[in-house]
N, C-alpha and C. Protein backbone atom coordinates (compact mmCIF):
# COMPACT_ATOMS: atom_id res chain seq x y z
N MET A 1 33.49 43.04 45.89
CA MET A 1 33.88 43.24 47.31
C MET A 1 33.87 44.78 47.50
N PRO A 2 33.62 45.23 48.87
CA PRO A 2 33.61 46.66 48.97
C PRO A 2 34.93 47.41 48.79
N GLY A 3 36.10 46.90 49.15
CA GLY A 3 37.36 47.29 48.87
C GLY A 3 37.63 47.59 47.57
N CYS A 4 36.97 47.05 46.57
CA CYS A 4 37.46 46.87 45.33
C CYS A 4 36.62 47.77 44.26
N HIS A 5 35.60 48.57 44.72
CA HIS A 5 34.85 49.43 44.01
C HIS A 5 35.73 50.66 43.45
N PRO A 6 35.54 51.20 42.35
CA PRO A 6 36.24 52.36 42.05
C PRO A 6 35.44 53.50 42.56
N ARG A 7 36.17 54.52 43.00
CA ARG A 7 35.51 55.86 43.54
C ARG A 7 35.10 56.62 42.30
N ALA A 8 33.99 57.58 42.57
CA ALA A 8 33.52 58.25 41.54
C ALA A 8 34.50 59.50 41.42
N SER A 9 34.65 60.07 40.10
CA SER A 9 35.62 61.25 40.20
C SER A 9 35.24 62.46 41.09
N SER A 10 34.01 62.51 41.35
CA SER A 10 33.70 63.75 42.06
C SER A 10 33.52 63.54 43.35
N PHE A 11 33.93 62.24 43.77
CA PHE A 11 33.74 62.01 45.43
C PHE A 11 34.57 62.76 46.09
N VAL A 12 34.25 63.40 47.18
CA VAL A 12 34.83 64.40 47.91
C VAL A 12 35.54 63.55 49.18
N PHE A 13 34.75 63.03 50.02
CA PHE A 13 35.11 62.20 51.03
C PHE A 13 33.95 61.65 51.76
N LYS A 14 34.23 60.54 52.64
CA LYS A 14 33.09 59.73 53.16
C LYS A 14 32.56 60.28 54.38
N THR A 15 33.39 60.30 55.55
CA THR A 15 32.74 60.84 56.64
C THR A 15 33.61 61.94 57.29
N ARG A 16 33.18 62.17 58.58
CA ARG A 16 33.68 63.24 59.37
C ARG A 16 35.30 62.86 59.58
N LYS A 17 35.82 61.78 59.41
CA LYS A 17 37.13 61.41 59.59
C LYS A 17 38.07 62.14 58.82
N SER A 18 37.43 62.80 57.65
CA SER A 18 38.40 63.66 56.82
C SER A 18 38.75 64.98 57.64
N GLY A 19 38.28 65.09 58.87
CA GLY A 19 38.81 66.30 59.58
C GLY A 19 37.92 67.59 59.30
N ILE A 20 37.06 67.44 58.21
CA ILE A 20 36.30 68.79 57.87
C ILE A 20 35.01 68.57 58.65
N PRO A 21 34.57 69.51 59.39
CA PRO A 21 33.20 69.37 60.10
C PRO A 21 32.03 69.68 58.91
N LEU A 22 31.14 68.91 59.01
CA LEU A 22 29.93 69.09 58.18
C LEU A 22 29.41 70.45 58.14
N LYS A 23 29.41 71.09 59.21
CA LYS A 23 28.95 72.52 59.17
C LYS A 23 29.77 73.44 58.22
N SER A 24 31.16 73.13 58.07
CA SER A 24 31.95 73.92 57.01
C SER A 24 31.58 73.70 55.66
N LEU A 25 30.92 72.52 55.28
CA LEU A 25 30.71 72.10 53.96
C LEU A 25 29.38 72.95 53.48
N LYS A 26 28.57 73.57 54.42
CA LYS A 26 27.50 74.25 53.99
C LYS A 26 27.90 75.54 53.24
N MET A 27 29.13 76.03 53.13
CA MET A 27 29.36 77.04 52.36
C MET A 27 29.72 76.51 50.98
N PHE A 28 29.85 75.39 50.57
CA PHE A 28 30.02 74.79 49.33
C PHE A 28 28.79 74.70 48.59
N ASN A 29 28.62 74.84 47.33
CA ASN A 29 27.43 74.75 46.70
C ASN A 29 27.49 73.39 45.93
N ASN A 30 26.41 72.78 45.55
CA ASN A 30 26.06 71.82 44.79
C ASN A 30 26.68 70.54 45.44
N ASN A 31 26.54 70.10 46.78
CA ASN A 31 26.97 68.85 47.16
C ASN A 31 25.81 68.02 47.28
N TYR A 32 26.10 66.74 47.06
CA TYR A 32 25.09 65.69 47.08
C TYR A 32 25.53 64.56 47.94
N TYR A 33 24.69 64.06 48.71
CA TYR A 33 25.08 63.24 49.71
C TYR A 33 24.53 61.73 49.49
N VAL A 34 25.21 60.61 49.59
CA VAL A 34 24.60 59.36 49.52
C VAL A 34 24.82 58.88 51.09
N TYR A 35 23.85 58.39 51.70
CA TYR A 35 23.94 58.19 53.05
C TYR A 35 23.21 56.83 53.42
N ILE A 36 23.62 56.36 54.61
CA ILE A 36 22.98 55.12 55.14
C ILE A 36 22.32 55.51 56.51
N THR A 37 21.22 55.04 56.75
CA THR A 37 20.44 55.21 58.09
C THR A 37 20.31 53.93 58.64
N THR A 38 19.85 53.68 59.82
CA THR A 38 19.55 52.56 60.54
C THR A 38 18.78 52.81 61.82
N ASN A 39 18.29 51.71 62.50
CA ASN A 39 17.60 52.13 63.70
C ASN A 39 18.38 51.58 64.89
N LYS A 40 19.39 50.72 64.61
CA LYS A 40 20.47 50.37 65.74
C LYS A 40 21.51 49.66 64.89
N LYS A 41 22.49 49.28 65.71
CA LYS A 41 23.72 48.49 65.30
C LYS A 41 23.26 47.30 64.72
N ASP A 42 23.67 46.93 63.52
CA ASP A 42 23.21 45.65 62.77
C ASP A 42 21.72 45.57 62.44
N GLY A 43 21.16 46.73 62.61
CA GLY A 43 19.73 46.75 62.36
C GLY A 43 19.35 46.97 60.64
N VAL A 44 18.22 47.29 60.50
CA VAL A 44 17.78 47.53 59.32
C VAL A 44 18.27 48.62 58.51
N LEU A 45 18.89 48.64 57.24
CA LEU A 45 19.65 49.68 56.68
C LEU A 45 18.86 50.34 55.48
N TYR A 46 19.01 51.75 55.32
CA TYR A 46 18.41 52.33 54.30
C TYR A 46 19.49 53.25 53.58
N ILE A 47 19.35 53.20 52.29
CA ILE A 47 20.37 53.82 51.57
C ILE A 47 19.61 55.02 50.82
N GLY A 48 20.03 56.21 50.78
CA GLY A 48 19.41 57.24 50.12
C GLY A 48 20.50 58.44 49.45
N VAL A 49 19.81 59.36 48.83
CA VAL A 49 20.70 60.21 48.25
C VAL A 49 19.84 61.71 48.50
N THR A 50 20.48 62.74 48.73
CA THR A 50 19.95 64.11 48.92
C THR A 50 20.95 65.27 48.52
N ASN A 51 20.41 66.33 48.51
CA ASN A 51 21.35 67.51 48.43
C ASN A 51 21.40 68.41 49.82
N ASN A 52 20.62 67.83 50.72
CA ASN A 52 20.61 68.58 52.11
C ASN A 52 20.61 67.42 53.13
N LEU A 53 21.89 66.97 53.54
CA LEU A 53 21.85 65.87 54.22
C LEU A 53 21.14 66.19 55.73
N GLU A 54 21.67 67.32 56.34
CA GLU A 54 21.08 67.80 57.69
C GLU A 54 19.53 67.79 57.54
N GLY A 55 18.92 68.36 56.52
CA GLY A 55 17.47 68.48 56.34
C GLY A 55 16.89 67.09 56.31
N ARG A 56 17.45 66.33 55.32
CA ARG A 56 16.79 65.03 55.22
C ARG A 56 16.93 64.02 56.49
N ILE A 57 18.07 64.06 57.12
CA ILE A 57 18.07 63.24 58.39
C ILE A 57 17.06 63.85 59.38
N SER A 58 16.99 65.21 59.48
CA SER A 58 16.13 65.76 60.48
C SER A 58 14.67 65.27 59.93
N GLU A 59 14.32 65.10 58.70
CA GLU A 59 13.01 64.48 58.33
C GLU A 59 12.80 63.10 58.72
N HIS A 60 13.85 62.51 58.63
CA HIS A 60 13.66 61.00 59.11
C HIS A 60 13.61 61.04 60.60
N LYS A 61 14.26 61.75 61.31
CA LYS A 61 14.14 61.83 62.84
C LYS A 61 12.82 62.35 63.26
N GLU A 62 12.15 63.33 62.50
CA GLU A 62 10.85 63.63 62.82
C GLU A 62 9.80 62.92 62.24
N ARG A 63 10.15 61.86 61.57
CA ARG A 63 9.28 61.05 60.97
C ARG A 63 8.06 61.52 60.13
N MET A 64 8.50 62.42 59.24
CA MET A 64 7.60 63.33 58.59
C MET A 64 6.92 62.56 57.50
N TYR A 65 7.64 61.44 56.87
CA TYR A 65 6.98 60.90 55.83
C TYR A 65 6.68 59.37 56.12
N LYS A 66 5.51 58.94 55.84
CA LYS A 66 5.34 57.48 56.01
C LYS A 66 6.03 56.73 54.87
N GLY A 67 6.60 55.68 55.18
CA GLY A 67 7.24 54.76 54.25
C GLY A 67 8.10 53.94 54.94
N PHE A 68 9.07 53.36 54.25
CA PHE A 68 10.01 52.44 54.74
C PHE A 68 10.84 52.93 56.01
N THR A 69 11.37 54.22 55.95
CA THR A 69 12.27 54.59 57.10
C THR A 69 11.22 55.02 58.23
N TYR A 70 10.01 55.37 57.83
CA TYR A 70 9.14 55.59 58.96
C TYR A 70 8.65 54.38 59.71
N LYS A 71 8.50 53.28 58.89
CA LYS A 71 8.00 51.91 59.39
C LYS A 71 9.10 51.35 60.24
N TYR A 72 10.24 51.46 60.01
CA TYR A 72 11.28 50.78 60.78
C TYR A 72 12.14 51.80 61.75
N GLY A 73 11.71 53.01 61.74
CA GLY A 73 12.44 53.87 62.64
C GLY A 73 13.91 54.18 62.18
N LEU A 74 14.15 54.34 60.93
CA LEU A 74 15.53 54.36 60.49
C LEU A 74 15.91 55.88 60.47
N ASP A 75 16.45 56.33 61.62
CA ASP A 75 16.80 57.81 61.80
C ASP A 75 18.24 57.93 62.41
N LYS A 76 18.97 57.02 62.34
CA LYS A 76 20.15 57.14 62.70
C LYS A 76 21.24 57.17 61.56
N LEU A 77 21.89 58.28 61.35
CA LEU A 77 22.88 58.37 60.21
C LEU A 77 24.22 57.72 60.68
N VAL A 78 24.56 56.68 60.12
CA VAL A 78 25.79 55.99 60.23
C VAL A 78 26.89 56.09 59.08
N TYR A 79 26.47 56.54 58.10
CA TYR A 79 27.52 56.58 56.98
C TYR A 79 27.00 57.64 55.97
N TYR A 80 27.95 58.21 55.37
CA TYR A 80 27.78 59.18 54.19
C TYR A 80 28.82 59.55 53.35
N GLU A 81 28.65 59.87 52.03
CA GLU A 81 29.61 60.26 51.18
C GLU A 81 29.15 61.36 50.52
N ILE A 82 30.15 62.34 50.05
CA ILE A 82 29.66 63.58 49.44
C ILE A 82 30.12 63.53 48.04
N TYR A 83 29.39 64.11 47.01
CA TYR A 83 29.81 64.13 45.62
C TYR A 83 29.46 65.64 45.23
N ASN A 84 30.05 65.94 44.07
CA ASN A 84 29.88 67.21 43.44
C ASN A 84 28.87 67.20 42.06
N ASP A 85 28.57 65.85 41.97
CA ASP A 85 27.79 65.58 40.67
C ASP A 85 26.73 64.75 41.08
N ILE A 86 25.43 65.18 40.82
CA ILE A 86 24.10 64.35 41.29
C ILE A 86 24.22 63.15 40.55
N LYS A 87 24.55 63.11 39.20
CA LYS A 87 24.54 61.87 38.39
C LYS A 87 25.40 60.76 39.26
N GLU A 88 26.55 61.09 39.66
CA GLU A 88 27.55 60.25 40.17
C GLU A 88 26.91 59.74 41.60
N ALA A 89 26.36 60.73 42.26
CA ALA A 89 25.64 60.29 43.52
C ALA A 89 24.57 59.30 43.31
N ILE A 90 23.71 59.57 42.32
CA ILE A 90 22.65 58.60 42.26
C ILE A 90 23.25 57.27 41.69
N GLU A 91 24.26 57.31 40.95
CA GLU A 91 24.84 55.90 40.48
C GLU A 91 25.47 55.23 41.84
N ARG A 92 26.18 55.96 42.60
CA ARG A 92 26.55 55.28 43.75
C ARG A 92 25.63 54.67 44.72
N GLU A 93 24.58 55.53 44.81
CA GLU A 93 23.38 55.03 45.61
C GLU A 93 22.92 53.62 45.18
N LYS A 94 22.73 53.65 43.80
CA LYS A 94 22.18 52.51 43.10
C LYS A 94 23.24 51.32 43.34
N GLN A 95 24.56 51.62 43.12
CA GLN A 95 25.62 50.55 43.46
C GLN A 95 25.40 50.10 44.89
N LEU A 96 25.39 50.84 45.77
CA LEU A 96 25.36 50.50 47.24
C LEU A 96 24.09 49.63 47.53
N LYS A 97 23.01 50.01 46.83
CA LYS A 97 21.66 49.28 47.12
C LYS A 97 21.89 47.89 46.63
N LYS A 98 22.74 47.63 45.65
CA LYS A 98 22.85 46.29 45.07
C LYS A 98 23.82 45.56 45.96
N TRP A 99 24.60 46.14 46.57
CA TRP A 99 25.55 45.16 47.51
C TRP A 99 24.93 44.35 48.42
N ASN A 100 25.55 43.28 48.69
CA ASN A 100 24.98 42.50 49.86
C ASN A 100 25.17 43.00 51.20
N ARG A 101 24.47 42.66 52.06
CA ARG A 101 24.48 43.17 53.60
C ARG A 101 25.74 43.24 54.00
N ASP A 102 26.56 42.18 54.06
CA ASP A 102 27.84 42.04 54.69
C ASP A 102 28.81 43.24 54.00
N TRP A 103 28.78 43.61 52.85
CA TRP A 103 29.60 44.47 52.19
C TRP A 103 29.12 45.92 52.70
N LYS A 104 27.92 46.14 52.96
CA LYS A 104 27.42 47.54 53.48
C LYS A 104 27.77 47.64 54.81
N ILE A 105 27.73 46.47 55.53
CA ILE A 105 28.15 46.54 57.05
C ILE A 105 29.63 46.92 57.18
N LYS A 106 30.45 46.15 56.28
CA LYS A 106 32.06 46.51 56.39
C LYS A 106 32.25 47.94 55.99
N LEU A 107 31.46 48.61 55.00
CA LEU A 107 31.71 49.82 54.64
C LEU A 107 31.41 50.87 55.79
N ILE A 108 30.16 50.67 56.57
CA ILE A 108 29.92 51.41 57.61
C ILE A 108 30.87 51.23 58.79
N GLU A 109 31.38 50.08 59.18
CA GLU A 109 32.28 49.89 60.17
C GLU A 109 33.67 50.30 59.86
N GLU A 110 34.04 50.29 58.58
CA GLU A 110 35.47 50.99 58.30
C GLU A 110 35.53 52.41 58.63
N GLU A 111 34.42 53.05 58.73
CA GLU A 111 34.45 54.64 59.03
C GLU A 111 33.73 54.90 60.31
N ASN A 112 33.03 53.95 60.78
CA ASN A 112 32.22 54.24 61.97
C ASN A 112 31.89 52.85 62.60
N PRO A 113 32.99 52.30 63.29
CA PRO A 113 32.92 50.93 63.87
C PRO A 113 31.90 50.82 65.11
N ASN A 114 31.55 51.98 65.70
CA ASN A 114 30.52 51.73 66.75
C ASN A 114 29.19 52.23 66.41
N TRP A 115 28.95 52.38 65.17
CA TRP A 115 27.59 52.84 64.58
C TRP A 115 27.20 54.05 65.35
N ASN A 116 27.99 54.98 65.68
CA ASN A 116 27.47 56.29 66.24
C ASN A 116 26.63 56.96 65.11
N ASP A 117 25.70 57.83 65.74
CA ASP A 117 24.89 58.58 64.97
C ASP A 117 25.59 59.89 64.57
N LEU A 118 25.99 59.76 63.22
CA LEU A 118 26.78 61.05 62.92
C LEU A 118 26.05 62.23 62.77
N PHE A 119 24.74 62.25 62.95
CA PHE A 119 23.90 63.54 62.94
C PHE A 119 24.26 64.31 64.17
N ALA A 120 24.49 63.61 65.35
CA ALA A 120 24.69 64.26 66.43
C ALA A 120 26.09 65.05 66.43
N THR A 121 26.88 64.93 65.48
CA THR A 121 28.08 65.52 65.41
C THR A 121 28.00 66.91 64.61
N PHE A 122 26.91 67.17 64.05
CA PHE A 122 26.69 68.44 63.26
C PHE A 122 26.78 69.66 64.00
């Protein structure tokens, strides 16, 4: 179940609910982001990992690379987590990819019930 998973030791926080604007995080080094994008509420989901969330989501929005996100127009950032350790971020990405769809939706809706595009808040 989504509520039962252990948090990684370097997990910083999940979304802007923490009160720290994403722009403020740019001053920190070595942040890694596990993120979920979609094309609409309850639409297709994509889970990825990056060390530059703003740049990576911009790439999704500009449809720079052909592939899964391009094919389905997955350019709406609906969830992200921040880690200090790339290995832990990759492990979390793999964990989320194994989750069933209902767990992923619950995770998104706990932090972002309206499925707002969090990129718009940068």
